[in-house]
Amino acid sequence: MSDKATQLKAFERLLIIMDELREQCPWDKKQTMESLRHLTIEEVYELGDAILDQDLDEVKKELGDVLLHIVFYSKIGSETNSFDIADVCHSICDKLVERHPHIYGDVTVENEEEVKRNWEQIKLKEGKKSVLEGVPRSLPAMVKANRIQDKVAGVGFDWEKPEQVFEKVEEELAELKSEIANGNQDAIESEFGDVLFSMINYARFLTVNPENALERTNKKFMKRFQYLESKAKDLNKSLKDMTLSEMDVFWEEAKSL
């Protein structure tokens, strides 16, 4: 691995290239924070895919794309004298020092949970009115639910044992079953949301990231279904012309691979 001087030199190279592109490239000159926003979101999702695929070479490339966007936003900010990359770096450094008094101060902690509780308390002292202010409104619902639960647990609003959470899951499932029997669609949707929320909470107690778990299942399903499609193609058949029994043979084959 590179030493610190080499790492700083590489970062300086990126800053220089960004300056040159912003001055000389028609596309780069045209970009704004708003025009980059959706591209940044795409890059973060691509990074997430690479991490789940455990493709470290791809992780390296996608991290570079994300880093480019950070430098790009900072360059745009510097053009209106709002902030530059140094301000961005100092801002996060100051935050990290402030929120780690057990490292940079005289606070003593016993474990990770105490660190998280201190983190949330410090943020409230910084002027936040709610521990939930740090949860972005535009997060996907599952990720948002996970962050909400993690945040409130950080200030002690939490179950004590996993068994209690699973009992809540069962309770919510019973309520969903009851509303299905009643046929009230609005109530069914509401109870279905409660089931998902309680399952996401249970995942936290199992130290499982629900987003990662679901995405693993998505990838597994897609791989098996594509195997099924390829087998149907080998037989010159369309899936819609095959029976479920015929498809199930190939599905079981896919599961065994």
C-alpha atoms as a PDB file:
ATOM      1  CA  MET A   1       0.000   0.000   0.000  1.00  0.00           C
ATOM      2  CA  SER A   2       1.057   3.604  -0.649  1.00  0.00           C
ATOM      3  CA  ASP A   3       2.534   5.821   2.045  1.00  0.00           C
ATOM      4  CA  LYS A   4       0.824   9.044   3.116  1.00  0.00           C
ATOM      5  CA  ALA A   5       2.921  11.239   0.830  1.00  0.00           C
ATOM      6  CA  THR A   6       2.014   9.144  -2.201  1.00  0.00           C
ATOM      7  CA  GLN A   7      -1.658   9.226  -1.252  1.00  0.00           C
ATOM      8  CA  LEU A   8      -1.622  13.014  -0.928  1.00  0.00           C
ATOM      9  CA  LYS A   9       0.167  13.311  -4.285  1.00  0.00           C
ATOM     10  CA  ALA A  10      -2.533  11.194  -5.930  1.00  0.00           C
ATOM     11  CA  PHE A  11      -5.258  13.388  -4.422  1.00  0.00           C
ATOM     12  CA  GLU A  12      -3.434  16.503  -5.625  1.00  0.00           C
ATOM     13  CA  ARG A  13      -3.338  14.993  -9.143  1.00  0.00           C
ATOM     14  CA  LEU A  14      -7.122  14.568  -9.055  1.00  0.00           C
ATOM     15  CA  LEU A  15      -7.608  18.184  -7.947  1.00  0.00           C
ATOM     16  CA  ILE A  16      -5.391  19.422 -10.799  1.00  0.00           C
ATOM     17  CA  ILE A  17      -7.258  17.308 -13.363  1.00  0.00           C
ATOM     18  CA  MET A  18     -10.573  18.627 -12.028  1.00  0.00           C
ATOM     19  CA  ASP A  19      -9.351  22.209 -12.457  1.00  0.00           C
ATOM     20  CA  GLU A  20      -8.283  21.466 -16.037  1.00  0.00           C
ATOM     21  CA  LEU A  21     -11.557  19.759 -16.953  1.00  0.00           C
ATOM     22  CA  ARG A  22     -13.639  22.562 -15.481  1.00  0.00           C
ATOM     23  CA  GLU A  23     -11.688  25.102 -17.542  1.00  0.00           C
ATOM     24  CA  GLN A  24     -11.347  23.202 -20.822  1.00  0.00           C
ATOM     25  CA  CYS A  25     -13.997  20.486 -21.241  1.00  0.00           C
ATOM     26  CA  PRO A  26     -17.378  21.677 -22.639  1.00  0.00           C
ATOM     27  CA  TRP A  27     -19.305  19.018 -20.688  1.00  0.00           C
ATOM     28  CA  ASP A  28     -17.547  19.587 -17.377  1.00  0.00           C
ATOM     29  CA  LYS A  29     -17.835  23.386 -17.707  1.00  0.00           C
ATOM     30  CA  LYS A  30     -21.601  23.053 -18.116  1.00  0.00           C
ATOM     31  CA  GLN A  31     -22.297  20.985 -14.989  1.00  0.00           C
ATOM     32  CA  THR A  32     -24.011  22.305 -11.857  1.00  0.00           C
ATOM     33  CA  MET A  33     -24.681  20.693  -8.491  1.00  0.00           C
ATOM     34  CA  GLU A  34     -28.231  20.015  -9.637  1.00  0.00           C
ATOM     35  CA  SER A  35     -27.158  18.363 -12.902  1.00  0.00           C
ATOM     36  CA  LEU A  36     -24.663  16.133 -11.060  1.00  0.00           C
ATOM     37  CA  ARG A  37     -27.088  15.056  -8.324  1.00  0.00           C
ATOM     38  CA  HIS A  38     -28.754  12.123 -10.110  1.00  0.00           C
ATOM     39  CA  LEU A  39     -25.395  10.957 -11.440  1.00  0.00           C
ATOM     40  CA  THR A  40     -23.985  10.931  -7.908  1.00  0.00           C
ATOM     41  CA  ILE A  41     -26.897   8.808  -6.712  1.00  0.00           C
ATOM     42  CA  GLU A  42     -26.233   6.344  -9.551  1.00  0.00           C
ATOM     43  CA  GLU A  43     -22.551   6.140  -8.639  1.00  0.00           C
ATOM     44  CA  VAL A  44     -23.352   5.376  -5.001  1.00  0.00           C
ATOM     45  CA  TYR A  45     -25.721   2.580  -6.035  1.00  0.00           C
ATOM     46  CA  GLU A  46     -23.064   1.168  -8.371  1.00  0.00           C
ATOM     47  CA  LEU A  47     -20.622   1.205  -5.465  1.00  0.00           C
ATOM     48  CA  GLY A  48     -23.209  -0.636  -3.382  1.00  0.00           C
ATOM     49  CA  ASP A  49     -23.580  -3.292  -6.097  1.00  0.00           C
ATOM     50  CA  ALA A  50     -19.822  -3.815  -6.248  1.00  0.00           C
ATOM     51  CA  ILE A  51     -19.640  -4.204  -2.465  1.00  0.00           C
ATOM     52  CA  LEU A  52     -22.429  -6.796  -2.429  1.00  0.00           C
ATOM     53  CA  ASP A  53     -20.743  -8.643  -5.310  1.00  0.00           C
ATOM     54  CA  GLN A  54     -17.494  -8.588  -3.297  1.00  0.00           C
ATOM     55  CA  ASP A  55     -15.721  -7.359  -6.429  1.00  0.00           C
ATOM     56  CA  LEU A  56     -12.887  -5.358  -4.874  1.00  0.00           C
ATOM     57  CA  ASP A  57     -11.477  -4.195  -8.196  1.00  0.00           C
ATOM     58  CA  GLU A  58     -14.897  -2.761  -9.061  1.00  0.00           C
ATOM     59  CA  VAL A  59     -15.188  -1.264  -5.553  1.00  0.00           C
ATOM     60  CA  LYS A  60     -11.922   0.588  -6.197  1.00  0.00           C
ATOM     61  CA  LYS A  61     -13.229   1.981  -9.491  1.00  0.00           C
ATOM     62  CA  GLU A  62     -16.598   3.008  -8.064  1.00  0.00           C
ATOM     63  CA  LEU A  63     -14.953   4.688  -5.070  1.00  0.00           C
ATOM     64  CA  GLY A  64     -12.975   6.719  -7.593  1.00  0.00           C
ATOM     65  CA  ASP A  65     -16.209   7.787  -9.293  1.00  0.00           C
ATOM     66  CA  VAL A  66     -17.730   8.842  -5.964  1.00  0.00           C
ATOM     67  CA  LEU A  67     -14.544  10.709  -5.007  1.00  0.00           C
ATOM     68  CA  LEU A  68     -14.619  12.528  -8.346  1.00  0.00           C
ATOM     69  CA  HIS A  69     -18.120  13.765  -7.581  1.00  0.00           C
ATOM     70  CA  ILE A  70     -17.038  15.055  -4.164  1.00  0.00           C
ATOM     71  CA  VAL A  71     -14.164  16.947  -5.788  1.00  0.00           C
ATOM     72  CA  PHE A  72     -16.517  18.180  -8.544  1.00  0.00           C
ATOM     73  CA  TYR A  73     -19.031  19.634  -6.072  1.00  0.00           C
ATOM     74  CA  SER A  74     -16.198  21.236  -4.131  1.00  0.00           C
ATOM     75  CA  LYS A  75     -14.815  22.819  -7.311  1.00  0.00           C
ATOM     76  CA  ILE A  76     -18.241  24.259  -8.150  1.00  0.00           C
ATOM     77  CA  GLY A  77     -18.548  25.559  -4.596  1.00  0.00           C
ATOM     78  CA  SER A  78     -15.174  27.294  -4.850  1.00  0.00           C
ATOM     79  CA  GLU A  79     -16.280  29.189  -7.964  1.00  0.00           C
ATOM     80  CA  THR A  80     -18.802  31.181  -5.914  1.00  0.00           C
ATOM     81  CA  ASN A  81     -16.459  31.412  -2.907  1.00  0.00           C
ATOM     82  CA  SER A  82     -18.929  29.266  -0.943  1.00  0.00           C
ATOM     83  CA  PHE A  83     -16.503  26.477   0.001  1.00  0.00           C
ATOM     84  CA  ASP A  84     -13.670  24.433  -1.459  1.00  0.00           C
ATOM     85  CA  ILE A  85     -12.255  20.946  -0.928  1.00  0.00           C
ATOM     86  CA  ALA A  86     -10.218  22.132   2.074  1.00  0.00           C
ATOM     87  CA  ASP A  87     -13.398  23.402   3.741  1.00  0.00           C
ATOM     88  CA  VAL A  88     -15.077  20.051   3.051  1.00  0.00           C
ATOM     89  CA  CYS A  89     -12.163  18.137   4.580  1.00  0.00           C
ATOM     90  CA  HIS A  90     -11.887  20.406   7.620  1.00  0.00           C
ATOM     91  CA  SER A  91     -15.639  20.231   8.155  1.00  0.00           C
ATOM     92  CA  ILE A  92     -15.695  16.452   8.414  1.00  0.00           C
ATOM     93  CA  CYS A  93     -12.467  16.405  10.457  1.00  0.00           C
ATOM     94  CA  ASP A  94     -13.922  18.890  12.951  1.00  0.00           C
ATOM     95  CA  LYS A  95     -17.123  16.828  13.188  1.00  0.00           C
ATOM     96  CA  LEU A  96     -15.202  13.596  13.775  1.00  0.00           C
ATOM     97  CA  VAL A  97     -13.083  15.138  16.537  1.00  0.00           C
ATOM     98  CA  GLU A  98     -16.149  16.710  18.176  1.00  0.00           C
ATOM     99  CA  ARG A  99     -18.160  13.480  18.064  1.00  0.00           C
ATOM    100  CA  HIS A 100     -15.356  11.225  19.338  1.00  0.00           C
ATOM    101  CA  PRO A 101     -14.632  12.687  22.794  1.00  0.00           C
ATOM    102  CA  HIS A 102     -13.556   9.188  23.899  1.00  0.00           C
ATOM    103  CA  ILE A 103     -10.617   9.553  21.484  1.00  0.00           C
ATOM    104  CA  TYR A 104      -9.949  13.308  21.458  1.00  0.00           C
ATOM    105  CA  GLY A 105     -11.317  14.204  24.897  1.00  0.00           C
ATOM    106  CA  ASP A 106     -11.679  12.810  28.404  1.00  0.00           C
ATOM    107  CA  VAL A 107     -14.841  10.735  27.934  1.00  0.00           C
ATOM    108  CA  THR A 108     -14.649   7.004  28.694  1.00  0.00           C
ATOM    109  CA  VAL A 109     -16.772   4.426  26.882  1.00  0.00           C
ATOM    110  CA  GLU A 110     -17.130   0.695  27.387  1.00  0.00           C
ATOM    111  CA  ASN A 111     -18.465  -0.434  24.018  1.00  0.00           C
ATOM    112  CA  GLU A 112     -19.866   0.471  20.605  1.00  0.00           C
ATOM    113  CA  GLU A 113     -23.361   1.129  21.975  1.00  0.00           C
ATOM    114  CA  GLU A 114     -22.065   3.831  24.319  1.00  0.00           C
ATOM    115  CA  VAL A 115     -20.250   5.446  21.388  1.00  0.00           C
ATOM    116  CA  LYS A 116     -23.507   5.564  19.399  1.00  0.00           C
ATOM    117  CA  ARG A 117     -25.461   7.016  22.335  1.00  0.00           C
ATOM    118  CA  ASN A 118     -22.828   9.719  22.853  1.00  0.00           C
ATOM    119  CA  TRP A 119     -22.918  10.479  19.120  1.00  0.00           C
ATOM    120  CA  GLU A 120     -26.662  11.168  19.181  1.00  0.00           C
ATOM    121  CA  GLN A 121     -26.470  13.236  22.363  1.00  0.00           C
ATOM    122  CA  ILE A 122     -23.684  15.381  20.903  1.00  0.00           C
ATOM    123  CA  LYS A 123     -25.747  16.030  17.769  1.00  0.00           C
ATOM    124  CA  LEU A 124     -28.646  17.259  19.907  1.00  0.00           C
ATOM    125  CA  LYS A 125     -26.261  19.618  21.713  1.00  0.00           C
ATOM    126  CA  GLU A 126     -25.194  20.948  18.290  1.00  0.00           C
ATOM    127  CA  GLY A 127     -28.704  22.334  17.829  1.00  0.00           C
ATOM    128  CA  LYS A 128     -30.664  19.485  16.289  1.00  0.00           C
ATOM    129  CA  LYS A 129     -34.213  19.370  17.669  1.00  0.00           C
ATOM    130  CA  SER A 130     -34.689  15.662  16.978  1.00  0.00           C
ATOM    131  CA  VAL A 131     -32.438  12.639  16.614  1.00  0.00           C
ATOM    132  CA  LEU A 132     -34.401  11.913  13.434  1.00  0.00           C
ATOM    133  CA  GLU A 133     -33.317  15.136  11.700  1.00  0.00           C
ATOM    134  CA  GLY A 134     -30.329  13.319  10.257  1.00  0.00           C
ATOM    135  CA  VAL A 135     -32.491  10.846   8.322  1.00  0.00           C
ATOM    136  CA  PRO A 136     -32.728  12.100   4.695  1.00  0.00           C
ATOM    137  CA  ARG A 137     -36.314  12.426   3.448  1.00  0.00           C
ATOM    138  CA  SER A 138     -35.432  10.967   0.042  1.00  0.00           C
ATOM    139  CA  LEU A 139     -33.944   7.700   1.327  1.00  0.00           C
ATOM    140  CA  PRO A 140     -35.584   4.517   0.012  1.00  0.00           C
ATOM    141  CA  ALA A 141     -38.213   3.358   2.523  1.00  0.00           C
ATOM    142  CA  MET A 142     -36.335   0.266   3.715  1.00  0.00           C
ATOM    143  CA  VAL A 143     -33.074   2.129   4.256  1.00  0.00           C
ATOM    144  CA  LYS A 144     -34.984   4.943   5.964  1.00  0.00           C
ATOM    145  CA  ALA A 145     -36.741   2.521   8.336  1.00  0.00           C
ATOM    146  CA  ASN A 146     -33.391   0.994   9.263  1.00  0.00           C
ATOM    147  CA  ARG A 147     -31.850   4.407   9.930  1.00  0.00           C
ATOM    148  CA  ILE A 148     -34.871   5.556  11.974  1.00  0.00           C
ATOM    149  CA  GLN A 149     -34.652   2.494  14.202  1.00  0.00           C
ATOM    150  CA  ASP A 150     -30.898   2.836  14.552  1.00  0.00           C
ATOM    151  CA  LYS A 151     -31.240   6.510  15.503  1.00  0.00           C
ATOM    152  CA  VAL A 152     -33.884   6.046  18.214  1.00  0.00           C
ATOM    153  CA  ALA A 153     -32.019   3.036  19.608  1.00  0.00           C
ATOM    154  CA  GLY A 154     -29.024   5.340  20.007  1.00  0.00           C
ATOM    155  CA  VAL A 155     -30.907   7.320  22.658  1.00  0.00           C
ATOM    156  CA  GLY A 156     -32.261   4.247  24.446  1.00  0.00           C
ATOM    157  CA  PHE A 157     -35.657   3.821  22.738  1.00  0.00           C
ATOM    158  CA  ASP A 158     -35.289   0.148  21.993  1.00  0.00           C
ATOM    159  CA  TRP A 159     -36.265  -3.388  22.853  1.00  0.00           C
ATOM    160  CA  GLU A 160     -34.150  -5.301  25.333  1.00  0.00           C
ATOM    161  CA  LYS A 161     -34.156  -8.760  23.734  1.00  0.00           C
ATOM    162  CA  PRO A 162     -34.518 -10.167  20.190  1.00  0.00           C
ATOM    163  CA  GLU A 163     -37.351 -12.394  21.422  1.00  0.00           C
ATOM    164  CA  GLN A 164     -39.436  -9.308  22.193  1.00  0.00           C
ATOM    165  CA  VAL A 165     -38.952  -8.003  18.679  1.00  0.00           C
ATOM    166  CA  PHE A 166     -39.957 -11.318  17.134  1.00  0.00           C
ATOM    167  CA  GLU A 167     -43.100 -11.313  19.268  1.00  0.00           C
ATOM    168  CA  LYS A 168     -43.849  -7.900  17.766  1.00  0.00           C
ATOM    169  CA  VAL A 169     -43.362  -9.354  14.273  1.00  0.00           C
ATOM    170  CA  GLU A 170     -45.864 -12.109  15.081  1.00  0.00           C
ATOM    171  CA  GLU A 171     -48.293  -9.557  16.521  1.00  0.00           C
ATOM    172  CA  GLU A 172     -48.098  -7.454  13.364  1.00  0.00           C
ATOM    173  CA  LEU A 173     -48.577 -10.516  11.155  1.00  0.00           C
ATOM    174  CA  ALA A 174     -51.729 -11.418  13.108  1.00  0.00           C
ATOM    175  CA  GLU A 175     -53.067  -7.879  12.631  1.00  0.00           C
ATOM    176  CA  LEU A 176     -52.305  -8.059   8.902  1.00  0.00           C
ATOM    177  CA  LYS A 177     -54.098 -11.408   8.645  1.00  0.00           C
ATOM    178  CA  SER A 178     -57.128  -9.905  10.405  1.00  0.00           C
ATOM    179  CA  GLU A 179     -57.313  -6.936   8.020  1.00  0.00           C
ATOM    180  CA  ILE A 180     -56.957  -9.229   5.002  1.00  0.00           C
ATOM    181  CA  ALA A 181     -59.989 -11.118   6.300  1.00  0.00           C
ATOM    182  CA  ASN A 182     -61.853  -7.790   6.654  1.00  0.00           C
ATOM    183  CA  GLY A 183     -60.945  -6.821   3.087  1.00  0.00           C
ATOM    184  CA  ASN A 184     -60.101  -3.200   3.942  1.00  0.00           C
ATOM    185  CA  GLN A 185     -57.360  -2.330   1.396  1.00  0.00           C
ATOM    186  CA  ASP A 186     -56.165   0.810   3.173  1.00  0.00           C
ATOM    187  CA  ALA A 187     -55.866  -1.048   6.482  1.00  0.00           C
ATOM    188  CA  ILE A 188     -54.115  -3.953   4.741  1.00  0.00           C
ATOM    189  CA  GLU A 189     -51.487  -1.585   3.340  1.00  0.00           C
ATOM    190  CA  SER A 190     -51.012   0.012   6.753  1.00  0.00           C
ATOM    191  CA  GLU A 191     -50.579  -3.323   8.517  1.00  0.00           C
ATOM    192  CA  PHE A 192     -48.300  -4.611   5.761  1.00  0.00           C
ATOM    193  CA  GLY A 193     -46.066  -1.576   6.400  1.00  0.00           C
ATOM    194  CA  ASP A 194     -46.057  -2.407  10.116  1.00  0.00           C
ATOM    195  CA  VAL A 195     -44.955  -5.970   9.330  1.00  0.00           C
ATOM    196  CA  LEU A 196     -42.084  -4.723   7.180  1.00  0.00           C
ATOM    197  CA  PHE A 197     -41.060  -2.158   9.798  1.00  0.00           C
ATOM    198  CA  SER A 198     -41.004  -4.787  12.553  1.00  0.00           C
ATOM    199  CA  MET A 199     -39.045  -7.217  10.342  1.00  0.00           C
ATOM    200  CA  ILE A 200     -36.461  -4.535   9.621  1.00  0.00           C
ATOM    201  CA  ASN A 201     -36.188  -3.915  13.345  1.00  0.00           C
ATOM    202  CA  TYR A 202     -35.734  -7.646  13.986  1.00  0.00           C
ATOM    203  CA  ALA A 203     -32.980  -7.726  11.368  1.00  0.00           C
ATOM    204  CA  ARG A 204     -31.088  -5.147  13.411  1.00  0.00           C
ATOM    205  CA  PHE A 205     -31.196  -7.443  16.441  1.00  0.00           C
ATOM    206  CA  LEU A 206     -29.840 -10.265  14.292  1.00  0.00           C
ATOM    207  CA  THR A 207     -27.057  -7.907  13.088  1.00  0.00           C
ATOM    208  CA  VAL A 208     -28.385  -8.307   9.545  1.00  0.00           C
ATOM    209  CA  ASN A 209     -28.581  -5.345   7.186  1.00  0.00           C
ATOM    210  CA  PRO A 210     -32.076  -5.738   5.664  1.00  0.00           C
ATOM    211  CA  GLU A 211     -31.207  -3.829   2.488  1.00  0.00           C
ATOM    212  CA  ASN A 212     -28.204  -6.065   1.850  1.00  0.00           C
ATOM    213  CA  ALA A 213     -30.197  -9.188   2.695  1.00  0.00           C
ATOM    214  CA  LEU A 214     -33.004  -8.301   0.289  1.00  0.00           C
ATOM    215  CA  GLU A 215     -30.583  -7.334  -2.468  1.00  0.00           C
ATOM    216  CA  ARG A 216     -28.803 -10.684  -2.068  1.00  0.00           C
ATOM    217  CA  THR A 217     -32.151 -12.392  -2.552  1.00  0.00           C
ATOM    218  CA  ASN A 218     -32.894 -10.179  -5.579  1.00  0.00           C
ATOM    219  CA  LYS A 219     -29.600 -11.178  -7.169  1.00  0.00           C
ATOM    220  CA  LYS A 220     -30.175 -14.851  -6.343  1.00  0.00           C
ATOM    221  CA  PHE A 221     -33.663 -14.804  -7.850  1.00  0.00           C
ATOM    222  CA  MET A 222     -32.487 -13.008 -10.992  1.00  0.00           C
ATOM    223  CA  LYS A 223     -29.645 -15.486 -11.510  1.00  0.00           C
ATOM    224  CA  ARG A 224     -31.993 -18.469 -11.157  1.00  0.00           C
ATOM    225  CA  PHE A 225     -34.653 -16.940 -13.386  1.00  0.00           C
ATOM    226  CA  GLN A 226     -32.111 -16.160 -16.089  1.00  0.00           C
ATOM    227  CA  TYR A 227     -30.966 -19.790 -15.907  1.00  0.00           C
ATOM    228  CA  LEU A 228     -34.581 -20.811 -16.421  1.00  0.00           C
ATOM    229  CA  GLU A 229     -34.845 -18.480 -19.423  1.00  0.00           C
ATOM    230  CA  SER A 230     -31.682 -19.909 -20.968  1.00  0.00           C
ATOM    231  CA  LYS A 231     -32.950 -23.476 -20.555  1.00  0.00           C
ATOM    232  CA  ALA A 232     -36.266 -22.559 -22.164  1.00  0.00           C
ATOM    233  CA  LYS A 233     -34.353 -20.995 -25.056  1.00  0.00           C
ATOM    234  CA  ASP A 234     -32.317 -24.206 -25.472  1.00  0.00           C
ATOM    235  CA  LEU A 235     -35.635 -26.019 -25.914  1.00  0.00           C
ATOM    236  CA  ASN A 236     -36.891 -23.359 -28.352  1.00  0.00           C
ATOM    237  CA  LYS A 237     -39.731 -22.656 -25.945  1.00  0.00           C
ATOM    238  CA  SER A 238     -41.250 -19.470 -24.563  1.00  0.00           C
ATOM    239  CA  LEU A 239     -41.750 -19.357 -20.814  1.00  0.00           C
ATOM    240  CA  LYS A 240     -45.397 -18.420 -21.253  1.00  0.00           C
ATOM    241  CA  ASP A 241     -45.911 -21.660 -23.175  1.00  0.00           C
ATOM    242  CA  MET A 242     -44.366 -23.801 -20.430  1.00  0.00           C
ATOM    243  CA  THR A 243     -46.250 -25.221 -17.472  1.00  0.00           C
ATOM    244  CA  LEU A 244     -45.220 -24.351 -13.924  1.00  0.00           C
ATOM    245  CA  SER A 245     -44.145 -27.975 -13.469  1.00  0.00           C
ATOM    246  CA  GLU A 246     -41.812 -27.739 -16.470  1.00  0.00           C
ATOM    247  CA  MET A 247     -40.350 -24.467 -15.228  1.00  0.00           C
ATOM    248  CA  ASP A 248     -39.944 -25.839 -11.709  1.00  0.00           C
ATOM    249  CA  VAL A 249     -37.579 -28.551 -12.987  1.00  0.00           C
ATOM    250  CA  PHE A 250     -35.127 -25.925 -14.244  1.00  0.00           C
ATOM    251  CA  TRP A 251     -35.698 -23.753 -11.170  1.00  0.00           C
ATOM    252  CA  GLU A 252     -34.591 -26.597  -8.935  1.00  0.00           C
ATOM    253  CA  GLU A 253     -31.568 -27.133 -11.183  1.00  0.00           C
ATOM    254  CA  ALA A 254     -30.687 -23.438 -10.793  1.00  0.00           C
ATOM    255  CA  LYS A 255     -30.950 -23.711  -7.000  1.00  0.00           C
ATOM    256  CA  SER A 256     -28.491 -26.609  -6.966  1.00  0.00           C
ATOM    257  CA  LEU A 257     -25.848 -24.738  -8.958  1.00  0.00           C
END
